[in-house]
Amino acid sequence: MISLAPAPFLRSAIALLATFSLVAGEGVRIDSVRPGPNGVVLEWFPGAGDDRYLVQRRATWGEDLWLTPRGATPWPQTATSWVDTQARQDPAAFYRVVSVPPLPRGQIVSSVPTQRIPKGDVQALLALMGVPMVPGFDVQVVKVIYPTPDAHGLRNDASGLILLPVGASNSVPMMTYQHGTLIQKSDAPSVSTTSLEFLVGVVFASTGYIAVLPDYLGLGDSAGFHPYHHAASEATAAVDILRAAREYCVEAQITWNRQLFVCGYSQGGHAAAALQRELEEYHEDEFTITASALMAGAYDLSGVTANDLLSDRPQPNPYYFAYLLAAYQEVYRYAPGLAEILSAPYDTTLPPLLDGKTGSSAINAAMPAQPWRTLKPEVLAAFKTNPRHPLRLALADNDLIHWTPRAPTRLYHCSGDLDVPPLNSRVARDQFVARGANVDLIDPQPGANHGDCALPALLAAKQWFDSLKQ
């Protein structure tokens, strides 16, 4: 059910329009849109049952995207009023309220212990990698399924892992790791147990942490296309697996000491930042972050990342661009279809490869080194010149530089990274510090590329977490 209304303060022609609805039969209906002391106040009559609501806005009636701005409460919300605190800086001409069915966020649908890894095996693997670390515990791996909202606020049952230190006698901290870019559903941590992503959780658990690894929506057992670099659903999927982990630990009689460490690498750096923002703005009554390590993430998507993708620099992994185009088309519907914005032959060759089964190397082989060459000339020209191009609005909707971290936060990024430009982290650091945040930027291995930086960054983050661990 959807109800729409014009904002009352922008232009007299719009202000004189009556509120109207686009709902079939009975449902949510906007009551008023009025200026308030802290922004625009939107109020509506509730829909049926226990529906939840998403407020969306756009600057013009027919051109811009419907975006879901952040409010005082997390989405989807139960209240029937909402304050747009950003309206004075970014005026919106139209609002709509979307009602969605309620869902039991973060409850465990299923939990299955899959394997127990002896600490001796972990020690042997670490020795093989040249990592001087001594595990203290066997690791119990548990796969969980839990409900969480998708990018449109509807239920999707997501999957992930909880890894436990077996025999820990005292209360232990919890950490959550957000993994890097995966384009094949079967590469998710809960499915693939041979990847570095899975090993991160094993190492943390073997050294006395409850390790929580979400697969993300659309990966692992979760239905649909993965909303790649969609900050809101990255955050909600991570919040809800933390809730599931908290519930499982009670059932398994594992005592969590309330410390929470957040980290992620590559896409996981972006996802970890989204999670940190979500927890600190909405859920500090449930989770207080002890420390956060954001590693090699594309935090400035609409600025640094977009400019780099539009440059003539050959990209090591052009498939990132195709993945982003496809994901944002699924979330925002910024074009009639993905094929409609691609030039020949990519309009026919690329979309079938983005099926969740094809590997990144095959997609890279099907793309030019400058991925913008896959776009139609007129689409590329509009993207370059129009600051309100729908794709630019989608990218800006997922920037993670316009907020203020509260917990101690470190950004890790190697200077030789050609996949995710290090300027992303410098811009984020400068924005955070300007807002008064306690944030450091660290180069864990100067000159290292994106792949070679992962292990040094993770080890540095773990050393920092260990120094704070109780």
Protein backbone atom coordinates (compact mmCIF):
# COMPACT_ATOMS: atom_id res chain seq x y z
CA MET A 1 0.00 0.00 0.00
CA ILE A 2 1.33 3.43 -0.92
CA SER A 3 0.17 6.93 -0.05
CA LEU A 4 1.70 10.08 -1.47
CA ALA A 5 1.65 13.79 -0.64
CA PRO A 6 3.42 16.96 -1.79
CA ALA A 7 5.67 18.85 0.58
CA PRO A 8 3.92 22.07 1.71
CA PHE A 9 6.77 24.55 1.72
CA LEU A 10 8.56 24.52 -1.62
CA ARG A 11 6.41 26.17 -4.30
CA SER A 12 2.97 27.66 -4.00
CA ALA A 13 1.68 25.60 -6.93
CA ILE A 14 2.63 22.43 -5.13
CA ALA A 15 1.54 23.70 -1.74
CA LEU A 16 -2.00 24.18 -3.07
CA LEU A 17 -2.28 20.57 -4.24
CA ALA A 18 -4.48 18.34 -2.11
CA THR A 19 -3.04 15.25 -0.47
CA PHE A 20 -3.87 12.18 -2.52
CA SER A 21 -3.54 8.43 -2.26
CA LEU A 22 -2.54 5.64 -4.60
CA VAL A 23 -4.00 2.77 -2.61
CA ALA A 24 -6.50 0.15 -3.63
CA GLY A 25 -9.27 -0.10 -1.06
CA GLU A 26 -8.47 0.62 2.57
CA GLY A 27 -4.94 1.24 3.75
CA VAL A 28 -2.42 3.82 4.80
CA ARG A 29 -3.36 7.42 3.99
CA ILE A 30 -1.30 10.55 4.56
CA ASP A 31 -2.96 12.99 6.96
CA SER A 32 -0.60 15.97 6.90
CA VAL A 33 2.78 17.22 5.72
CA ARG A 34 3.84 20.38 7.57
CA PRO A 35 6.93 22.30 8.61
CA GLY A 36 8.16 21.60 12.15
CA PRO A 37 10.94 22.99 14.34
CA ASN A 38 13.34 20.18 13.31
CA GLY A 39 12.24 19.62 9.72
CA VAL A 40 9.22 18.44 7.79
CA VAL A 41 6.68 16.47 9.82
CA LEU A 42 4.77 13.75 8.00
CA GLU A 43 1.75 12.05 9.62
CA TRP A 44 -0.52 9.35 8.27
CA PHE A 45 -3.47 7.16 9.16
CA PRO A 46 -2.38 3.56 9.74
CA GLY A 47 -3.03 0.67 7.42
CA ALA A 48 -4.43 -2.68 8.41
CA GLY A 49 -3.11 -4.96 11.15
CA ASP A 50 0.45 -4.58 12.40
CA ASP A 51 1.94 -3.13 9.24
CA ARG A 52 5.27 -1.32 9.31
CA TYR A 53 6.05 1.78 7.28
CA LEU A 54 8.78 3.23 5.08
CA VAL A 55 8.80 6.93 4.24
CA GLN A 56 10.29 7.80 0.87
CA ARG A 57 10.80 11.04 -0.98
CA ARG A 58 11.78 12.46 -4.32
CA ALA A 59 12.59 15.99 -5.45
CA THR A 60 10.35 15.97 -8.54
CA TRP A 61 7.28 14.01 -9.42
CA GLY A 62 8.51 12.09 -12.43
CA GLU A 63 12.29 12.33 -12.70
CA ASP A 64 14.10 11.44 -9.49
CA LEU A 65 14.32 8.16 -7.61
CA TRP A 66 12.17 7.33 -4.63
CA LEU A 67 14.73 7.27 -1.81
CA THR A 68 14.28 6.18 1.81
CA PRO A 69 15.96 8.88 3.93
CA ARG A 70 17.18 8.09 7.42
CA GLY A 71 14.90 9.24 10.21
CA ALA A 72 14.87 9.18 13.99
CA THR A 73 13.90 5.50 14.04
CA PRO A 74 15.07 2.52 11.96
CA TRP A 75 13.04 1.35 9.01
CA PRO A 76 10.52 -0.19 8.64
CA GLN A 77 8.95 1.71 11.54
CA THR A 78 5.80 1.17 13.60
CA ALA A 79 5.02 4.84 14.31
CA THR A 80 2.59 6.75 12.07
CA SER A 81 4.61 9.96 12.00
CA TRP A 82 8.08 10.85 10.81
CA VAL A 83 10.33 13.93 10.80
CA ASP A 84 12.51 14.67 7.79
CA THR A 85 15.45 16.35 9.52
CA GLN A 86 17.33 16.76 6.23
CA ALA A 87 14.59 18.67 4.43
CA ARG A 88 16.06 22.11 5.08
CA GLN A 89 19.39 21.10 3.55
CA ASP A 90 17.93 18.88 0.81
CA PRO A 91 14.33 19.94 0.13
CA ALA A 92 12.03 17.24 -1.18
CA ALA A 93 8.97 17.96 -3.27
CA PHE A 94 7.05 14.73 -2.73
CA TYR A 95 6.77 12.04 -0.04
CA ARG A 96 5.19 8.64 -0.02
CA VAL A 97 4.51 6.16 2.75
CA VAL A 98 4.83 2.47 1.94
CA SER A 99 3.32 -0.10 4.27
CA VAL A 100 4.91 -3.53 4.59
CA PRO A 101 3.96 -6.60 6.63
CA PRO A 102 5.62 -7.04 10.04
CA LEU A 103 8.47 -9.51 10.39
CA PRO A 104 10.20 -11.05 13.42
CA ARG A 105 13.62 -9.51 12.87
CA GLY A 106 16.62 -11.46 14.12
CA GLN A 107 14.78 -14.49 15.43
CA ILE A 108 16.32 -17.86 14.64
CA VAL A 109 14.47 -19.80 11.96
CA SER A 110 16.99 -22.64 12.13
CA SER A 111 20.40 -23.28 13.69
CA VAL A 112 22.52 -26.25 12.65
CA PRO A 113 25.97 -27.11 14.06
CA THR A 114 27.94 -28.02 10.94
CA GLN A 115 31.45 -28.89 12.11
CA ARG A 116 33.88 -28.71 15.00
CA ILE A 117 37.40 -27.58 14.13
CA PRO A 118 40.18 -28.70 16.51
CA LYS A 119 42.52 -25.95 17.66
CA GLY A 120 45.42 -28.06 16.39
CA ASP A 121 44.06 -27.76 12.84
CA VAL A 122 43.75 -24.01 13.26
CA GLN A 123 47.33 -23.84 14.56
CA ALA A 124 48.63 -25.83 11.58
CA LEU A 125 46.83 -23.55 9.13
CA LEU A 126 48.14 -20.41 10.81
CA ALA A 127 51.68 -21.83 10.75
CA LEU A 128 51.29 -22.56 7.04
CA MET A 129 50.29 -18.93 6.49
CA GLY A 130 53.19 -17.66 8.59
CA VAL A 131 50.90 -16.13 11.21
CA PRO A 132 52.44 -16.27 14.72
CA MET A 133 49.25 -16.88 16.64
CA VAL A 134 48.34 -19.61 19.14
CA PRO A 135 44.68 -20.65 19.22
CA GLY A 136 43.28 -21.57 22.62
CA PHE A 137 40.00 -23.25 21.70
CA ASP A 138 38.38 -25.70 19.35
CA VAL A 139 35.76 -23.97 17.20
CA GLN A 140 32.12 -24.99 16.86
CA VAL A 141 30.61 -23.75 13.59
CA VAL A 142 26.85 -23.11 13.55
CA LYS A 143 24.84 -22.12 10.48
CA VAL A 144 21.81 -19.95 11.17
CA ILE A 145 18.83 -18.79 9.13
CA TYR A 146 17.08 -15.64 10.35
CA PRO A 147 14.49 -13.16 9.00
CA THR A 148 15.57 -9.65 8.03
CA PRO A 149 14.11 -6.94 5.76
CA ASP A 150 15.25 -6.82 2.15
CA ALA A 151 16.03 -3.57 0.35
CA HIS A 152 12.29 -2.85 0.09
CA GLY A 153 11.39 -3.70 3.68
CA LEU A 154 9.95 -7.13 2.91
CA ARG A 155 10.97 -10.34 4.63
CA ASN A 156 13.93 -12.33 3.38
CA ASP A 157 15.38 -15.26 5.32
CA ALA A 158 19.12 -14.67 5.38
CA SER A 159 21.92 -17.06 6.28
CA GLY A 160 25.20 -16.75 8.12
CA LEU A 161 27.55 -18.33 10.64
CA ILE A 162 28.10 -18.19 14.38
CA LEU A 163 31.48 -19.61 15.44
CA LEU A 164 31.98 -20.39 19.13
CA PRO A 165 35.09 -21.00 21.27
CA VAL A 166 34.45 -24.46 22.69
CA GLY A 167 34.99 -24.73 26.44
CA ALA A 168 35.47 -21.03 27.15
CA SER A 169 34.90 -20.87 30.90
CA ASN A 170 34.52 -17.12 31.25
CA SER A 171 32.30 -14.63 29.51
CA VAL A 172 33.64 -13.76 26.06
CA PRO A 173 33.37 -10.85 23.64
CA MET A 174 31.54 -10.92 20.32
CA MET A 175 32.94 -9.81 16.97
CA THR A 176 31.32 -9.58 13.58
CA TYR A 177 33.17 -9.71 10.26
CA GLN A 178 31.64 -8.34 7.06
CA HIS A 179 33.12 -10.11 4.05
CA GLY A 180 34.44 -8.73 0.77
CA THR A 181 32.80 -8.81 -2.67
CA LEU A 182 31.35 -12.20 -3.61
CA ILE A 183 29.34 -12.57 -6.78
CA GLN A 184 28.59 -16.31 -6.60
CA LYS A 185 25.97 -17.32 -4.04
CA SER A 186 27.96 -20.45 -3.22
CA ASP A 187 31.01 -18.43 -2.10
CA ALA A 188 29.22 -17.08 0.99
CA PRO A 189 30.87 -17.91 4.34
CA SER A 190 28.11 -20.31 5.39
CA VAL A 191 28.59 -22.34 2.20
CA SER A 192 32.31 -22.12 1.38
CA THR A 193 34.56 -23.21 4.23
CA THR A 194 37.87 -22.89 2.33
CA SER A 195 37.97 -19.10 1.92
CA LEU A 196 39.82 -16.41 3.84
CA GLU A 197 36.40 -15.02 4.76
CA PHE A 198 35.54 -18.22 6.67
CA LEU A 199 39.04 -18.42 8.17
CA VAL A 200 38.65 -14.96 9.72
CA GLY A 201 35.76 -16.24 11.82
CA VAL A 202 37.62 -19.44 12.74
CA VAL A 203 40.70 -17.54 13.95
CA PHE A 204 38.71 -15.10 16.06
CA ALA A 205 36.64 -17.89 17.62
CA SER A 206 39.74 -20.00 18.33
CA THR A 207 41.20 -17.08 20.28
CA GLY A 208 38.19 -16.50 22.49
CA TYR A 209 35.59 -14.52 20.54
CA ILE A 210 32.04 -15.32 19.52
CA ALA A 211 32.45 -14.72 15.76
CA VAL A 212 29.42 -13.71 13.70
CA LEU A 213 29.61 -13.79 9.89
CA PRO A 214 26.59 -12.72 7.81
CA ASP A 215 26.35 -13.98 4.24
CA TYR A 216 24.46 -10.81 3.15
CA LEU A 217 21.12 -10.79 1.37
CA GLY A 218 21.04 -12.67 -1.92
CA LEU A 219 24.08 -14.80 -1.01
CA GLY A 220 24.22 -18.19 0.69
CA ASP A 221 20.67 -19.45 1.28
CA SER A 222 19.04 -16.04 0.90
CA ALA A 223 16.70 -15.52 -2.05
CA GLY A 224 17.05 -12.89 -4.75
CA PHE A 225 19.86 -10.84 -6.26
CA HIS A 226 22.47 -9.53 -3.82
CA PRO A 227 21.97 -5.75 -3.24
CA TYR A 228 25.66 -5.02 -3.66
CA HIS A 229 26.84 -1.94 -1.74
CA HIS A 230 23.31 -1.12 -0.56
CA ALA A 231 24.09 0.32 2.85
CA ALA A 232 20.66 0.01 4.45
CA SER A 233 20.24 -3.72 3.80
CA GLU A 234 23.90 -4.47 4.56
CA ALA A 235 23.24 -2.92 7.96
CA THR A 236 19.91 -4.59 8.75
CA ALA A 237 21.18 -8.04 7.74
CA ALA A 238 24.14 -7.58 10.09
CA VAL A 239 22.06 -6.23 12.98
CA ASP A 240 19.66 -9.14 12.76
CA ILE A 241 22.34 -11.86 12.70
CA LEU A 242 23.80 -10.24 15.83
CA ARG A 243 20.39 -10.63 17.43
CA ALA A 244 20.25 -14.26 16.30
CA ALA A 245 23.75 -14.84 17.71
CA ARG A 246 22.75 -13.31 21.03
CA GLU A 247 19.75 -15.64 21.19
CA TYR A 248 21.81 -18.69 20.21
CA CYS A 249 24.44 -17.98 22.87
CA VAL A 250 21.74 -18.00 25.56
CA GLU A 251 20.49 -21.36 24.30
CA ALA A 252 24.04 -22.75 24.08
CA GLN A 253 24.93 -21.38 27.53
CA ILE A 254 27.75 -19.23 26.16
CA THR A 255 28.08 -16.01 28.17
CA TRP A 256 28.62 -12.88 26.10
CA ASN A 257 30.42 -10.14 28.07
CA ARG A 258 28.68 -7.34 26.09
CA GLN A 259 31.83 -6.26 24.25
CA LEU A 260 31.24 -5.99 20.50
CA PHE A 261 33.96 -5.59 17.87
CA VAL A 262 33.01 -4.69 14.28
CA CYS A 263 35.21 -5.17 11.23
CA GLY A 264 35.05 -5.78 7.49
CA TYR A 265 37.28 -5.70 4.41
CA SER A 266 36.60 -4.36 0.89
CA GLN A 267 32.82 -4.45 0.42
CA GLY A 268 32.91 -5.55 4.03
CA GLY A 269 34.51 -2.23 4.97
CA HIS A 270 31.49 -0.48 3.48
CA ALA A 271 29.14 -2.96 5.17
CA ALA A 272 30.90 -2.59 8.53
CA ALA A 273 30.56 1.20 8.32
CA ALA A 274 26.86 0.79 7.50
CA LEU A 275 26.45 -1.54 10.48
CA GLN A 276 28.29 0.81 12.82
CA ARG A 277 26.12 3.73 11.75
CA GLU A 278 22.97 1.64 12.20
CA LEU A 279 23.92 0.38 15.67
CA GLU A 280 25.06 3.76 16.96
CA GLU A 281 22.07 5.68 15.64
CA TYR A 282 19.31 3.17 16.39
CA HIS A 283 20.34 0.22 18.58
CA GLU A 284 22.68 1.34 21.34
CA ASP A 285 20.18 -0.06 23.85
CA GLU A 286 21.02 -3.52 22.44
CA PHE A 287 24.63 -3.28 21.25
CA THR A 288 27.44 -0.92 22.19
CA ILE A 289 30.45 -1.12 19.91
CA THR A 290 33.78 -1.49 21.72
CA ALA A 291 35.88 -0.78 18.61
CA SER A 292 35.40 -0.76 14.85
CA ALA A 293 37.94 -1.55 12.11
CA LEU A 294 36.83 -0.42 8.65
CA MET A 295 39.16 -1.81 6.00
CA ALA A 296 39.59 -0.86 2.33
CA GLY A 297 35.98 0.16 1.77
CA ALA A 298 34.38 2.32 -0.92
CA TYR A 299 32.81 4.80 1.49
CA ASP A 300 32.57 7.69 -1.00
CA LEU A 301 30.68 5.96 -3.79
CA SER A 302 29.24 9.06 -5.45
CA GLY A 303 32.55 10.93 -5.33
CA VAL A 304 35.86 9.07 -5.26
CA THR A 305 34.51 5.76 -6.57
CA ALA A 306 32.33 7.23 -9.33
CA ASN A 307 35.15 9.51 -10.54
CA ASP A 308 37.55 6.57 -10.63
CA LEU A 309 35.13 4.36 -12.55
CA LEU A 310 34.57 7.15 -15.10
CA SER A 311 38.30 7.71 -15.60
CA ASP A 312 40.48 6.09 -18.25
CA ARG A 313 42.39 4.09 -15.65
CA PRO A 314 42.19 0.35 -16.43
CA GLN A 315 40.31 -1.37 -13.63
CA PRO A 316 41.76 -4.62 -12.21
CA ASN A 317 38.21 -5.93 -11.71
CA PRO A 318 35.75 -4.20 -14.04
CA TYR A 319 33.04 -6.63 -12.93
CA TYR A 320 32.53 -4.45 -9.82
CA PHE A 321 30.93 -1.85 -12.08
CA ALA A 322 28.56 -4.33 -13.73
CA TYR A 323 27.66 -5.77 -10.33
CA LEU A 324 26.86 -2.31 -8.99
CA LEU A 325 24.74 -1.41 -12.03
CA ALA A 326 22.74 -4.62 -11.72
CA ALA A 327 22.28 -4.36 -7.95
CA TYR A 328 21.11 -0.75 -8.02
CA GLN A 329 18.75 -1.53 -10.87
CA GLU A 330 17.18 -4.22 -8.65
CA VAL A 331 16.92 -1.84 -5.69
CA TYR A 332 16.14 1.55 -7.26
CA ARG A 333 14.82 0.79 -10.76
CA TYR A 334 16.78 3.75 -12.07
CA ALA A 335 16.30 2.56 -15.69
CA PRO A 336 13.67 0.55 -17.59
CA GLY A 337 16.08 -2.40 -17.40
CA LEU A 338 19.79 -3.14 -17.19
CA ALA A 339 20.08 -3.97 -20.88
CA GLU A 340 18.53 -0.61 -21.81
CA ILE A 341 21.53 1.34 -20.51
CA LEU A 342 24.22 -0.93 -21.98
CA SER A 343 25.71 -0.58 -25.45
CA ALA A 344 26.09 -3.47 -27.88
CA PRO A 345 27.28 -6.16 -27.43
CA TYR A 346 27.22 -5.77 -23.63
CA ASP A 347 23.43 -5.33 -23.55
CA THR A 348 23.10 -9.00 -24.48
CA THR A 349 26.33 -10.52 -23.12
CA LEU A 350 26.56 -9.00 -19.62
CA PRO A 351 23.11 -9.47 -18.00
CA PRO A 352 23.11 -13.30 -18.31
CA LEU A 353 26.49 -13.45 -16.55
CA LEU A 354 25.08 -11.71 -13.46
CA ASP A 355 23.19 -14.80 -12.39
CA GLY A 356 24.83 -15.53 -9.05
CA LYS A 357 26.51 -18.60 -10.53
CA THR A 358 29.14 -17.10 -12.83
CA GLY A 359 32.54 -16.26 -11.38
CA SER A 360 34.19 -12.85 -11.41
CA SER A 361 36.95 -13.88 -13.83
CA ALA A 362 34.41 -14.81 -16.51
CA ILE A 363 32.63 -11.46 -16.09
CA ASN A 364 35.93 -9.57 -16.18
CA ALA A 365 36.81 -11.36 -19.43
CA ALA A 366 33.55 -10.18 -20.97
CA MET A 367 34.17 -6.51 -20.08
CA PRO A 368 36.51 -3.73 -21.24
CA ALA A 369 39.20 -2.53 -18.82
CA GLN A 370 37.41 0.82 -18.65
CA PRO A 371 33.98 -0.38 -17.56
CA TRP A 372 32.22 2.86 -18.52
CA ARG A 373 32.62 1.69 -22.13
CA THR A 374 29.78 -0.75 -21.50
CA LEU A 375 27.31 2.15 -21.24
CA LYS A 376 25.42 3.67 -24.13
CA PRO A 377 27.01 7.01 -25.15
CA GLU A 378 23.93 9.01 -24.21
CA VAL A 379 23.69 7.28 -20.82
CA LEU A 380 27.38 7.91 -20.15
CA ALA A 381 27.06 11.58 -21.13
CA ALA A 382 24.06 12.08 -18.84
CA PHE A 383 25.79 10.28 -15.96
CA LYS A 384 28.85 12.49 -16.35
CA THR A 385 27.04 15.82 -16.62
CA ASN A 386 23.79 15.56 -14.65
CA PRO A 387 24.32 15.82 -10.87
CA ARG A 388 20.83 14.44 -10.35
CA HIS A 389 21.20 11.52 -12.70
CA PRO A 390 19.31 8.58 -11.11
CA LEU A 391 22.44 6.46 -10.87
CA ARG A 392 24.29 9.29 -9.13
CA LEU A 393 21.42 9.62 -6.66
CA ALA A 394 21.58 5.88 -5.99
CA LEU A 395 25.33 6.06 -5.36
CA ALA A 396 24.93 9.06 -3.05
CA ASP A 397 22.20 7.21 -1.14
CA ASN A 398 24.88 4.68 -0.18
CA ASP A 399 27.74 7.01 0.70
CA LEU A 400 29.04 6.39 4.22
CA ILE A 401 30.95 9.59 4.92
CA HIS A 402 28.15 11.86 6.20
CA TRP A 403 27.79 10.53 9.74
CA THR A 404 29.77 10.67 12.98
CA PRO A 405 31.26 7.45 14.41
CA ARG A 406 30.96 7.29 18.21
CA ALA A 407 33.02 4.21 19.04
CA PRO A 408 36.82 4.19 18.65
CA THR A 409 37.27 3.63 14.91
CA ARG A 410 40.25 2.83 12.72
CA LEU A 411 40.36 2.92 8.95
CA TYR A 412 42.87 0.55 7.35
CA HIS A 413 43.82 1.00 3.69
CA CYS A 414 47.02 0.17 1.80
CA SER A 415 48.43 2.87 -0.44
CA GLY A 416 48.89 0.47 -3.38
CA ASP A 417 45.21 -0.51 -3.60
CA LEU A 418 44.09 -0.32 -7.26
CA ASP A 419 40.68 -1.95 -6.71
CA VAL A 420 39.31 0.46 -4.09
CA PRO A 421 41.11 3.83 -4.28
CA PRO A 422 42.65 4.72 -0.88
CA LEU A 423 41.23 8.22 -1.30
CA ASN A 424 37.92 6.69 -0.12
CA SER A 425 39.43 6.20 3.34
CA ARG A 426 41.16 9.58 3.39
CA VAL A 427 37.92 11.37 2.55
CA ALA A 428 36.04 9.33 5.18
CA ARG A 429 38.71 10.02 7.81
CA ASP A 430 38.68 13.75 7.08
CA GLN A 431 34.88 13.91 7.20
CA PHE A 432 34.72 11.94 10.46
CA VAL A 433 37.45 13.95 12.19
CA ALA A 434 35.83 17.22 11.11
CA ARG A 435 32.73 16.07 12.97
CA GLY A 436 34.75 15.42 16.11
CA ALA A 437 35.04 11.63 15.80
CA ASN A 438 37.96 9.60 17.17
CA VAL A 439 39.20 8.06 13.91
CA ASP A 440 42.68 7.06 12.74
CA LEU A 441 43.78 6.06 9.21
CA ILE A 442 46.44 3.35 9.07
CA ASP A 443 48.37 1.92 6.11
CA PRO A 444 49.14 -1.62 7.35
CA GLN A 445 51.52 -2.46 4.50
CA PRO A 446 52.56 0.54 2.40
CA GLY A 447 52.41 -0.14 -1.33
CA ALA A 448 50.42 -3.37 -1.03
CA ASN A 449 47.58 -3.96 -3.47
CA HIS A 450 43.99 -4.77 -2.53
CA GLY A 451 44.45 -8.52 -2.18
CA ASP A 452 47.84 -8.39 -0.47
CA CYS A 453 46.57 -5.82 2.02
CA ALA A 454 43.81 -8.03 3.42
CA LEU A 455 45.88 -10.20 5.76
CA PRO A 456 48.05 -7.37 7.21
CA ALA A 457 44.93 -5.26 7.76
CA LEU A 458 43.06 -8.09 9.46
CA LEU A 459 46.02 -8.95 11.69
CA ALA A 460 46.45 -5.30 12.68
CA ALA A 461 42.75 -5.01 13.48
CA LYS A 462 42.83 -8.19 15.54
CA GLN A 463 45.86 -7.00 17.48
CA TRP A 464 43.98 -3.81 18.31
CA PHE A 465 40.84 -5.73 19.32
CA ASP A 466 42.90 -8.08 21.49
CA SER A 467 44.37 -5.10 23.35
CA LEU A 468 40.83 -4.01 24.28
CA LYS A 469 39.39 -7.45 24.93
CA GLN A 470 38.21 -8.20 28.47
